[in-house]
């Protein structure tokens, strides 16, 4: 109840991160990578994408092809993508922990224009992760009826 702004935002984000990571656990092949909607969205692709988003916004790593981040390769496994996501989150949280002023620019690859504030990045990641967690909820329910966090 007495957490500051950064701790509050990070707590919300971490809850969403856990939710989406748990959605791939226990889903067998090929269902974990099978498109559940016409756009091709699948559980493993969502998690792979979010690992790239974490590294882009919090670690300043560039992403060459955003569309490719949504498509797991044949070599991608649930264990590997899940470990990569968790590692990206751990690295991102170390960066977030070091932030003293949420109004300062967040790290990002060089590009024109001002970088968004760290506050804006946290808010965006809550939105991005929450939206994809909702997608994952629907996909998982379609696979095996599992619902909830």
Protein backbone atom coordinates (compact mmCIF):
# COMPACT_ATOMS: atom_id res chain seq x y z
CA UNK A 1 0.00 0.00 0.00
CA UNK A 2 2.94 2.34 0.50
CA UNK A 3 4.90 1.40 -2.63
CA UNK A 4 6.20 4.24 -4.76
CA UNK A 5 5.37 4.81 -8.40
CA UNK A 6 8.18 2.67 -9.82
CA UNK A 7 7.48 -0.26 -7.49
CA UNK A 8 3.76 -0.06 -8.24
CA UNK A 9 4.29 -0.04 -12.02
CA UNK A 10 6.87 -2.83 -11.83
CA UNK A 11 4.57 -4.91 -9.63
CA UNK A 12 1.78 -4.67 -12.20
CA UNK A 13 4.18 -5.51 -15.03
CA UNK A 14 5.69 -8.46 -13.17
CA UNK A 15 2.22 -9.89 -12.54
CA UNK A 16 1.44 -9.73 -16.24
CA UNK A 17 4.83 -11.21 -17.11
CA UNK A 18 4.18 -14.19 -14.86
CA UNK A 19 0.71 -14.65 -16.29
CA UNK A 20 1.85 -14.87 -19.89
CA UNK A 21 4.86 -17.06 -19.09
CA UNK A 22 2.57 -19.51 -17.29
CA UNK A 23 0.30 -19.77 -20.34
CA UNK A 24 2.88 -21.78 -22.31
CA UNK A 25 3.69 -24.18 -19.47
CA UNK A 26 2.24 -27.61 -20.05
CA UNK A 27 1.06 -26.97 -23.61
CA UNK A 28 2.25 -29.79 -25.85
CA UNK A 29 3.66 -29.60 -29.34
CA UNK A 30 2.38 -28.71 -31.84
CA UNK A 31 -0.45 -26.81 -30.10
CA UNK A 32 1.93 -24.36 -28.40
CA UNK A 33 3.02 -23.08 -31.82
CA UNK A 34 -0.17 -23.66 -33.76
CA UNK A 35 -2.02 -20.54 -34.85
CA UNK A 36 -5.22 -20.10 -32.90
CA UNK A 37 -6.55 -17.25 -35.03
CA UNK A 38 -6.33 -16.28 -38.71
CA UNK A 39 -3.49 -13.81 -38.04
CA UNK A 40 -1.21 -16.71 -37.12
CA UNK A 41 -0.86 -15.76 -33.45
CA UNK A 42 0.26 -18.63 -31.24
CA UNK A 43 1.35 -19.00 -27.62
CA UNK A 44 5.05 -19.61 -28.25
CA UNK A 45 5.21 -16.71 -30.70
CA UNK A 46 3.64 -14.32 -28.19
CA UNK A 47 6.25 -15.17 -25.59
CA UNK A 48 9.09 -14.95 -28.11
CA UNK A 49 7.81 -11.55 -29.22
CA UNK A 50 7.59 -10.22 -25.67
CA UNK A 51 11.19 -11.26 -24.96
CA UNK A 52 12.25 -9.11 -27.92
CA UNK A 53 10.07 -6.23 -26.72
CA UNK A 54 11.64 -6.42 -23.24
CA UNK A 55 15.14 -6.28 -24.72
CA UNK A 56 14.20 -3.45 -27.09
CA UNK A 57 12.65 -1.12 -24.52
CA UNK A 58 14.69 -1.87 -21.42
CA UNK A 59 18.05 -2.97 -22.82
CA UNK A 60 18.23 -0.85 -25.95
CA UNK A 61 18.64 -3.83 -28.29
CA UNK A 62 17.50 -3.28 -31.87
CA UNK A 63 14.98 -5.57 -33.55
CA UNK A 64 15.42 -6.01 -37.26
CA UNK A 65 12.09 -7.63 -38.14
CA UNK A 66 9.24 -7.25 -35.66
CA UNK A 67 7.01 -9.64 -37.62
CA UNK A 68 9.61 -12.39 -37.26
CA UNK A 69 9.52 -12.06 -33.48
CA UNK A 70 5.99 -13.48 -33.50
CA UNK A 71 6.95 -16.64 -35.36
CA UNK A 72 8.84 -19.34 -33.47
CA UNK A 73 11.32 -21.30 -35.53
CA UNK A 74 11.28 -25.10 -35.75
CA UNK A 75 14.25 -25.11 -33.36
CA UNK A 76 12.45 -23.02 -30.72
CA UNK A 77 11.22 -25.07 -27.78
CA UNK A 78 8.90 -24.12 -24.96
CA UNK A 79 11.75 -24.49 -22.49
CA UNK A 80 14.12 -22.39 -24.61
CA UNK A 81 11.67 -19.56 -25.35
CA UNK A 82 10.51 -19.52 -21.73
CA UNK A 83 14.12 -19.36 -20.47
CA UNK A 84 14.91 -16.58 -22.96
CA UNK A 85 11.86 -14.60 -21.84
CA UNK A 86 12.69 -15.01 -18.15
CA UNK A 87 16.30 -13.99 -18.78
CA UNK A 88 15.18 -10.88 -20.70
CA UNK A 89 12.84 -9.98 -17.82
CA UNK A 90 15.62 -10.45 -15.24
CA UNK A 91 17.97 -8.23 -17.24
CA UNK A 92 15.22 -5.65 -17.75
CA UNK A 93 14.45 -5.62 -14.02
CA UNK A 94 18.10 -4.90 -13.22
CA UNK A 95 17.89 -1.87 -15.51
CA UNK A 96 14.59 -0.79 -13.97
CA UNK A 97 15.98 -1.18 -10.46
CA UNK A 98 18.79 1.23 -11.34
CA UNK A 99 16.38 3.92 -12.60
CA UNK A 100 16.22 6.77 -10.12
CA UNK A 101 14.06 9.19 -12.11
CA UNK A 102 11.23 7.91 -14.29
CA UNK A 103 11.19 11.19 -16.22
CA UNK A 104 14.62 10.46 -17.75
CA UNK A 105 14.93 8.91 -21.21
CA UNK A 106 14.92 5.14 -21.45
CA UNK A 107 17.72 3.29 -23.25
CA UNK A 108 17.08 2.55 -26.90
CA UNK A 109 18.89 1.95 -30.17
CA UNK A 110 19.96 5.16 -31.94
CA UNK A 111 17.19 6.73 -34.00
CA UNK A 112 15.80 10.18 -34.74
CA UNK A 113 13.77 11.93 -32.08
CA UNK A 114 13.82 11.92 -28.34
CA UNK A 115 13.69 8.65 -26.44
CA UNK A 116 10.54 8.06 -24.40
CA UNK A 117 10.75 8.53 -20.66
CA UNK A 118 11.28 5.54 -18.45
CA UNK A 119 7.77 6.15 -17.06
CA UNK A 120 6.33 5.94 -20.57
CA UNK A 121 8.24 2.73 -21.28
CA UNK A 122 6.93 1.09 -18.11
CA UNK A 123 3.37 2.14 -18.95
CA UNK A 124 3.78 0.89 -22.53
CA UNK A 125 5.15 -2.46 -21.35
CA UNK A 126 2.18 -2.89 -19.02
CA UNK A 127 -0.13 -2.25 -21.97
CA UNK A 128 1.85 -4.46 -24.39
CA UNK A 129 2.24 -7.36 -21.97
CA UNK A 130 -1.37 -7.10 -20.80
CA UNK A 131 -2.72 -7.11 -24.34
CA UNK A 132 -0.67 -10.17 -25.27
CA UNK A 133 -1.54 -11.89 -21.98
CA UNK A 134 -5.18 -11.51 -23.00
CA UNK A 135 -4.41 -13.05 -26.37
CA UNK A 136 -2.63 -15.90 -24.59
CA UNK A 137 -5.65 -16.45 -22.31
CA UNK A 138 -7.88 -16.97 -25.34
CA UNK A 139 -5.39 -19.17 -27.17
CA UNK A 140 -4.81 -21.37 -24.13
CA UNK A 141 -8.54 -21.73 -23.51
CA UNK A 142 -9.00 -22.83 -27.12
CA UNK A 143 -6.24 -25.43 -26.74
CA UNK A 144 -7.25 -27.17 -23.52
CA UNK A 145 -9.96 -25.16 -21.77
CA UNK A 146 -7.53 -23.72 -19.22
CA UNK A 147 -8.55 -20.30 -17.93
CA UNK A 148 -7.32 -17.84 -15.33
CA UNK A 149 -3.89 -16.54 -14.41
